[in-house]
Amino acid sequence: MGEREAILIENYWAYFNLANKAFKDQKYNAASTLFFKAIVAAVDLFVLKKEGFVPSSHTNRFRLVQENHKEIYELLDKDFPFYQDSYTKKLSREEAVLKKDARRIKEMC
């Protein structure tokens, strides 16, 4: 395992575990943000394994997975609005739905 892969895995678990704690504490905006960061770390790990590099921005990440990895893109595209809303809206427990997708993408790696 390379250093970049190890860092992405470590980051994934840090975000995922902190998101679970925030969710348990009913801090749904923080949980959504952290689950989305876990999703991005998992997507970057997936791309690293499949393409040999890590995208340099959200735009590049979205474009790459949209063109080459449709199943990943559909999850990322579906979840991104929750991440955006976490900055400007009060999210409820029902809206903090990113945990399942964070796990699913990580399992795809």
N, C-alpha and C. Protein backbone atom coordinates (compact mmCIF):
# COMPACT_ATOMS: atom_id res chain seq x y z
N MET A 1 0.85 -1.18 0.00
CA MET A 1 0.00 0.00 0.00
C MET A 1 0.89 1.23 0.00
N GLY A 2 0.57 2.16 -0.89
CA GLY A 2 1.33 3.39 -0.96
C GLY A 2 0.93 4.39 0.10
N GLU A 3 1.76 5.41 0.25
CA GLU A 3 1.51 6.43 1.27
C GLU A 3 0.18 7.16 1.03
N ARG A 4 -0.08 7.50 -0.24
CA ARG A 4 -1.31 8.23 -0.55
C ARG A 4 -2.55 7.41 -0.22
N GLU A 5 -2.50 6.13 -0.55
CA GLU A 5 -3.61 5.23 -0.25
C GLU A 5 -3.82 5.13 1.27
N ALA A 6 -2.74 5.00 2.01
CA ALA A 6 -2.83 4.92 3.47
C ALA A 6 -3.44 6.19 4.06
N ILE A 7 -3.04 7.33 3.54
CA ILE A 7 -3.58 8.61 4.02
C ILE A 7 -5.08 8.70 3.74
N LEU A 8 -5.49 8.31 2.54
CA LEU A 8 -6.91 8.37 2.19
C LEU A 8 -7.73 7.43 3.08
N ILE A 9 -7.22 6.25 3.36
CA ILE A 9 -7.92 5.32 4.24
C ILE A 9 -8.01 5.89 5.65
N GLU A 10 -6.91 6.42 6.13
CA GLU A 10 -6.91 7.03 7.47
C GLU A 10 -7.89 8.20 7.54
N ASN A 11 -7.88 9.05 6.51
CA ASN A 11 -8.80 10.19 6.48
C ASN A 11 -10.25 9.72 6.43
N TYR A 12 -10.51 8.71 5.61
CA TYR A 12 -11.87 8.17 5.51
C TYR A 12 -12.38 7.79 6.89
N TRP A 13 -11.60 6.98 7.61
CA TRP A 13 -12.05 6.50 8.91
C TRP A 13 -12.16 7.63 9.93
N ALA A 14 -11.28 8.60 9.87
CA ALA A 14 -11.38 9.75 10.79
C ALA A 14 -12.68 10.50 10.54
N TYR A 15 -12.97 10.84 9.28
CA TYR A 15 -14.21 11.54 8.96
C TYR A 15 -15.43 10.71 9.32
N PHE A 16 -15.41 9.43 8.95
CA PHE A 16 -16.55 8.55 9.17
C PHE A 16 -16.85 8.40 10.66
N ASN A 17 -15.82 8.17 11.46
CA ASN A 17 -16.02 8.00 12.91
C ASN A 17 -16.47 9.29 13.58
N LEU A 18 -15.91 10.42 13.17
CA LEU A 18 -16.37 11.70 13.73
C LEU A 18 -17.80 12.00 13.31
N ALA A 19 -18.16 11.64 12.08
CA ALA A 19 -19.54 11.83 11.60
C ALA A 19 -20.50 11.00 12.44
N ASN A 20 -20.13 9.75 12.73
CA ASN A 20 -20.99 8.92 13.58
C ASN A 20 -21.20 9.54 14.95
N LYS A 21 -20.14 10.09 15.51
CA LYS A 21 -20.25 10.74 16.82
C LYS A 21 -21.17 11.96 16.73
N ALA A 22 -20.98 12.78 15.70
CA ALA A 22 -21.83 13.96 15.53
C ALA A 22 -23.29 13.55 15.34
N PHE A 23 -23.52 12.50 14.55
CA PHE A 23 -24.89 12.01 14.33
C PHE A 23 -25.51 11.55 15.64
N LYS A 24 -24.75 10.80 16.42
CA LYS A 24 -25.23 10.32 17.71
C LYS A 24 -25.57 11.48 18.63
N ASP A 25 -24.80 12.57 18.53
CA ASP A 25 -25.02 13.77 19.34
C ASP A 25 -26.07 14.70 18.74
N GLN A 26 -26.76 14.24 17.69
CA GLN A 26 -27.81 14.98 16.99
C GLN A 26 -27.31 16.28 16.37
N LYS A 27 -26.06 16.29 15.97
CA LYS A 27 -25.47 17.42 15.25
C LYS A 27 -25.46 17.04 13.77
N TYR A 28 -26.64 17.12 13.15
CA TYR A 28 -26.84 16.55 11.83
C TYR A 28 -26.13 17.31 10.72
N ASN A 29 -25.98 18.61 10.88
CA ASN A 29 -25.22 19.37 9.88
C ASN A 29 -23.75 18.94 9.87
N ALA A 30 -23.17 18.85 11.06
CA ALA A 30 -21.77 18.40 11.16
C ALA A 30 -21.64 16.97 10.66
N ALA A 31 -22.60 16.12 11.01
CA ALA A 31 -22.55 14.72 10.55
C ALA A 31 -22.60 14.66 9.03
N SER A 32 -23.47 15.44 8.40
CA SER A 32 -23.57 15.44 6.94
C SER A 32 -22.27 15.89 6.30
N THR A 33 -21.69 16.96 6.82
CA THR A 33 -20.43 17.46 6.28
C THR A 33 -19.34 16.40 6.41
N LEU A 34 -19.24 15.78 7.56
CA LEU A 34 -18.19 14.78 7.78
C LEU A 34 -18.44 13.50 6.99
N PHE A 35 -19.69 13.07 6.88
CA PHE A 35 -19.97 11.90 6.04
C PHE A 35 -19.62 12.20 4.58
N PHE A 36 -19.90 13.42 4.13
CA PHE A 36 -19.54 13.75 2.75
C PHE A 36 -18.03 13.77 2.58
N LYS A 37 -17.30 14.26 3.55
CA LYS A 37 -15.84 14.23 3.47
C LYS A 37 -15.34 12.78 3.42
N ALA A 38 -15.99 11.89 4.16
CA ALA A 38 -15.65 10.46 4.09
C ALA A 38 -15.94 9.93 2.69
N ILE A 39 -17.05 10.35 2.12
CA ILE A 39 -17.39 9.95 0.76
C ILE A 39 -16.31 10.40 -0.21
N VAL A 40 -15.88 11.63 -0.11
CA VAL A 40 -14.85 12.16 -1.01
C VAL A 40 -13.54 11.40 -0.83
N ALA A 41 -13.17 11.10 0.41
CA ALA A 41 -11.95 10.32 0.63
C ALA A 41 -12.08 8.94 -0.01
N ALA A 42 -13.26 8.32 0.10
CA ALA A 42 -13.48 7.01 -0.52
C ALA A 42 -13.46 7.11 -2.04
N VAL A 43 -14.06 8.16 -2.59
CA VAL A 43 -14.03 8.35 -4.05
C VAL A 43 -12.59 8.55 -4.51
N ASP A 44 -11.83 9.35 -3.79
CA ASP A 44 -10.44 9.56 -4.16
C ASP A 44 -9.64 8.26 -4.08
N LEU A 45 -9.92 7.44 -3.08
CA LEU A 45 -9.26 6.14 -2.97
C LEU A 45 -9.64 5.25 -4.16
N PHE A 46 -10.91 5.24 -4.50
CA PHE A 46 -11.39 4.48 -5.66
C PHE A 46 -10.68 4.93 -6.93
N VAL A 47 -10.64 6.25 -7.15
CA VAL A 47 -10.01 6.80 -8.35
C VAL A 47 -8.51 6.49 -8.35
N LEU A 48 -7.87 6.62 -7.21
CA LEU A 48 -6.44 6.30 -7.12
C LEU A 48 -6.19 4.86 -7.55
N LYS A 49 -7.02 3.94 -7.08
CA LYS A 49 -6.83 2.54 -7.43
C LYS A 49 -7.15 2.26 -8.90
N LYS A 50 -8.16 2.95 -9.44
CA LYS A 50 -8.57 2.68 -10.83
C LYS A 50 -7.79 3.49 -11.86
N GLU A 51 -7.44 4.73 -11.52
CA GLU A 51 -6.84 5.64 -12.49
C GLU A 51 -5.37 5.96 -12.20
N GLY A 52 -4.94 5.71 -10.97
CA GLY A 52 -3.55 5.93 -10.62
C GLY A 52 -3.22 7.33 -10.12
N PHE A 53 -4.24 8.16 -9.86
CA PHE A 53 -4.01 9.50 -9.33
C PHE A 53 -5.23 9.94 -8.52
N VAL A 54 -5.06 11.03 -7.77
CA VAL A 54 -6.14 11.61 -6.97
C VAL A 54 -6.56 12.91 -7.65
N PRO A 55 -7.86 13.11 -7.89
CA PRO A 55 -8.32 14.36 -8.50
C PRO A 55 -7.93 15.57 -7.64
N SER A 56 -7.68 16.69 -8.31
CA SER A 56 -7.17 17.87 -7.62
C SER A 56 -8.27 18.80 -7.11
N SER A 57 -9.53 18.56 -7.47
CA SER A 57 -10.62 19.44 -7.02
C SER A 57 -11.95 18.70 -7.12
N HIS A 58 -12.98 19.29 -6.50
CA HIS A 58 -14.32 18.70 -6.63
C HIS A 58 -14.74 18.65 -8.10
N THR A 59 -14.44 19.70 -8.85
CA THR A 59 -14.81 19.74 -10.26
C THR A 59 -14.16 18.60 -11.03
N ASN A 60 -12.87 18.42 -10.86
CA ASN A 60 -12.17 17.34 -11.56
C ASN A 60 -12.68 15.97 -11.11
N ARG A 61 -12.94 15.83 -9.82
CA ARG A 61 -13.45 14.57 -9.28
C ARG A 61 -14.80 14.23 -9.91
N PHE A 62 -15.71 15.20 -9.89
CA PHE A 62 -17.04 14.97 -10.46
C PHE A 62 -16.95 14.61 -11.94
N ARG A 63 -16.17 15.37 -12.67
CA ARG A 63 -16.05 15.14 -14.12
C ARG A 63 -15.48 13.75 -14.41
N LEU A 64 -14.44 13.37 -13.71
CA LEU A 64 -13.80 12.07 -13.93
C LEU A 64 -14.75 10.92 -13.64
N VAL A 65 -15.42 10.96 -12.49
CA VAL A 65 -16.31 9.85 -12.17
C VAL A 65 -17.56 9.86 -13.05
N GLN A 66 -17.99 11.04 -13.48
CA GLN A 66 -19.14 11.11 -14.38
C GLN A 66 -18.81 10.44 -15.72
N GLU A 67 -17.61 10.65 -16.19
CA GLU A 67 -17.20 10.09 -17.48
C GLU A 67 -16.82 8.61 -17.39
N ASN A 68 -16.21 8.19 -16.28
CA ASN A 68 -15.61 6.85 -16.23
C ASN A 68 -16.22 5.88 -15.22
N HIS A 69 -16.95 6.39 -14.24
CA HIS A 69 -17.43 5.52 -13.16
C HIS A 69 -18.84 5.96 -12.77
N LYS A 70 -19.81 5.60 -13.58
CA LYS A 70 -21.19 6.09 -13.44
C LYS A 70 -21.81 5.78 -12.08
N GLU A 71 -21.60 4.58 -11.56
CA GLU A 71 -22.22 4.22 -10.28
C GLU A 71 -21.71 5.12 -9.15
N ILE A 72 -20.42 5.40 -9.15
CA ILE A 72 -19.85 6.32 -8.16
C ILE A 72 -20.42 7.72 -8.37
N TYR A 73 -20.49 8.16 -9.62
CA TYR A 73 -21.00 9.50 -9.91
C TYR A 73 -22.43 9.67 -9.41
N GLU A 74 -23.27 8.69 -9.64
CA GLU A 74 -24.67 8.80 -9.21
C GLU A 74 -24.78 9.01 -7.71
N LEU A 75 -23.97 8.32 -6.94
CA LEU A 75 -23.98 8.49 -5.48
C LEU A 75 -23.44 9.87 -5.11
N LEU A 76 -22.34 10.26 -5.69
CA LEU A 76 -21.72 11.55 -5.40
C LEU A 76 -22.67 12.70 -5.76
N ASP A 77 -23.29 12.60 -6.93
CA ASP A 77 -24.21 13.64 -7.40
C ASP A 77 -25.44 13.72 -6.50
N LYS A 78 -25.94 12.59 -6.04
CA LYS A 78 -27.11 12.55 -5.17
C LYS A 78 -26.79 13.15 -3.80
N ASP A 79 -25.57 12.92 -3.31
CA ASP A 79 -25.21 13.33 -1.96
C ASP A 79 -24.68 14.76 -1.85
N PHE A 80 -24.16 15.30 -2.93
CA PHE A 80 -23.55 16.63 -2.87
C PHE A 80 -24.52 17.71 -2.38
N PRO A 81 -25.80 17.70 -2.77
CA PRO A 81 -26.71 18.73 -2.24
C PRO A 81 -26.86 18.70 -0.72
N PHE A 82 -26.79 17.53 -0.10
CA PHE A 82 -26.86 17.47 1.37
C PHE A 82 -25.65 18.17 1.98
N TYR A 83 -24.49 17.95 1.38
CA TYR A 83 -23.27 18.62 1.83
C TYR A 83 -23.43 20.13 1.69
N GLN A 84 -23.92 20.59 0.55
CA GLN A 84 -24.12 22.02 0.34
C GLN A 84 -25.13 22.59 1.34
N ASP A 85 -26.23 21.86 1.55
CA ASP A 85 -27.26 22.33 2.47
C ASP A 85 -26.77 22.40 3.91
N SER A 86 -25.77 21.59 4.23
CA SER A 86 -25.28 21.57 5.61
C SER A 86 -24.67 22.91 6.02
N TYR A 87 -24.36 23.77 5.06
CA TYR A 87 -23.80 25.08 5.37
C TYR A 87 -24.87 26.14 5.62
N THR A 88 -26.06 25.96 5.04
CA THR A 88 -27.04 27.04 5.06
C THR A 88 -28.41 26.66 5.61
N LYS A 89 -28.63 25.38 5.91
CA LYS A 89 -29.93 24.94 6.41
C LYS A 89 -29.74 24.11 7.67
N LYS A 90 -30.78 24.01 8.44
CA LYS A 90 -30.78 23.15 9.62
C LYS A 90 -31.26 21.77 9.17
N LEU A 91 -30.35 20.80 9.14
CA LEU A 91 -30.70 19.47 8.67
C LEU A 91 -31.31 18.63 9.79
N SER A 92 -32.20 17.75 9.40
CA SER A 92 -32.82 16.83 10.35
C SER A 92 -32.14 15.47 10.27
N ARG A 93 -32.52 14.61 11.17
CA ARG A 93 -31.98 13.25 11.18
C ARG A 93 -32.23 12.57 9.83
N GLU A 94 -33.39 12.76 9.26
CA GLU A 94 -33.75 12.13 7.99
C GLU A 94 -32.90 12.65 6.83
N GLU A 95 -32.45 13.88 6.95
CA GLU A 95 -31.64 14.45 5.87
C GLU A 95 -30.17 14.06 5.97
N ALA A 96 -29.78 13.56 7.10
CA ALA A 96 -28.38 13.15 7.28
C ALA A 96 -28.24 11.69 6.83
N VAL A 97 -28.37 11.46 5.53
CA VAL A 97 -28.46 10.10 4.97
C VAL A 97 -27.18 9.64 4.29
N LEU A 98 -26.11 10.28 4.52
CA LEU A 98 -24.88 10.01 3.76
C LEU A 98 -24.09 8.82 4.27
N LYS A 99 -24.37 8.35 5.46
CA LYS A 99 -23.60 7.26 6.06
C LYS A 99 -23.60 6.01 5.18
N LYS A 100 -24.77 5.62 4.70
CA LYS A 100 -24.88 4.41 3.89
C LYS A 100 -24.05 4.53 2.62
N ASP A 101 -24.06 5.69 1.97
CA ASP A 101 -23.28 5.87 0.75
C ASP A 101 -21.79 5.92 1.03
N ALA A 102 -21.40 6.49 2.17
CA ALA A 102 -19.99 6.50 2.55
C ALA A 102 -19.48 5.07 2.68
N ARG A 103 -20.27 4.22 3.31
CA ARG A 103 -19.88 2.81 3.45
C ARG A 103 -19.85 2.12 2.09
N ARG A 104 -20.88 2.37 1.29
CA ARG A 104 -20.99 1.70 -0.01
C ARG A 104 -19.81 2.02 -0.91
N ILE A 105 -19.44 3.28 -1.00
CA ILE A 105 -18.32 3.67 -1.84
C ILE A 105 -17.03 3.07 -1.32
N LYS A 106 -16.84 3.08 -0.01
CA LYS A 106 -15.62 2.51 0.58
C LYS A 106 -15.53 1.03 0.25
N GLU A 107 -16.66 0.32 0.27
CA GLU A 107 -16.65 -1.11 -0.06
C GLU A 107 -16.31 -1.37 -1.53
N MET A 108 -16.52 -0.37 -2.39
CA MET A 108 -16.24 -0.51 -3.82
C MET A 108 -14.74 -0.41 -4.11
N CYS A 109 -13.99 0.11 -3.14
CA CYS A 109 -12.55 0.33 -3.35
C CYS A 109 -11.78 -0.97 -3.35
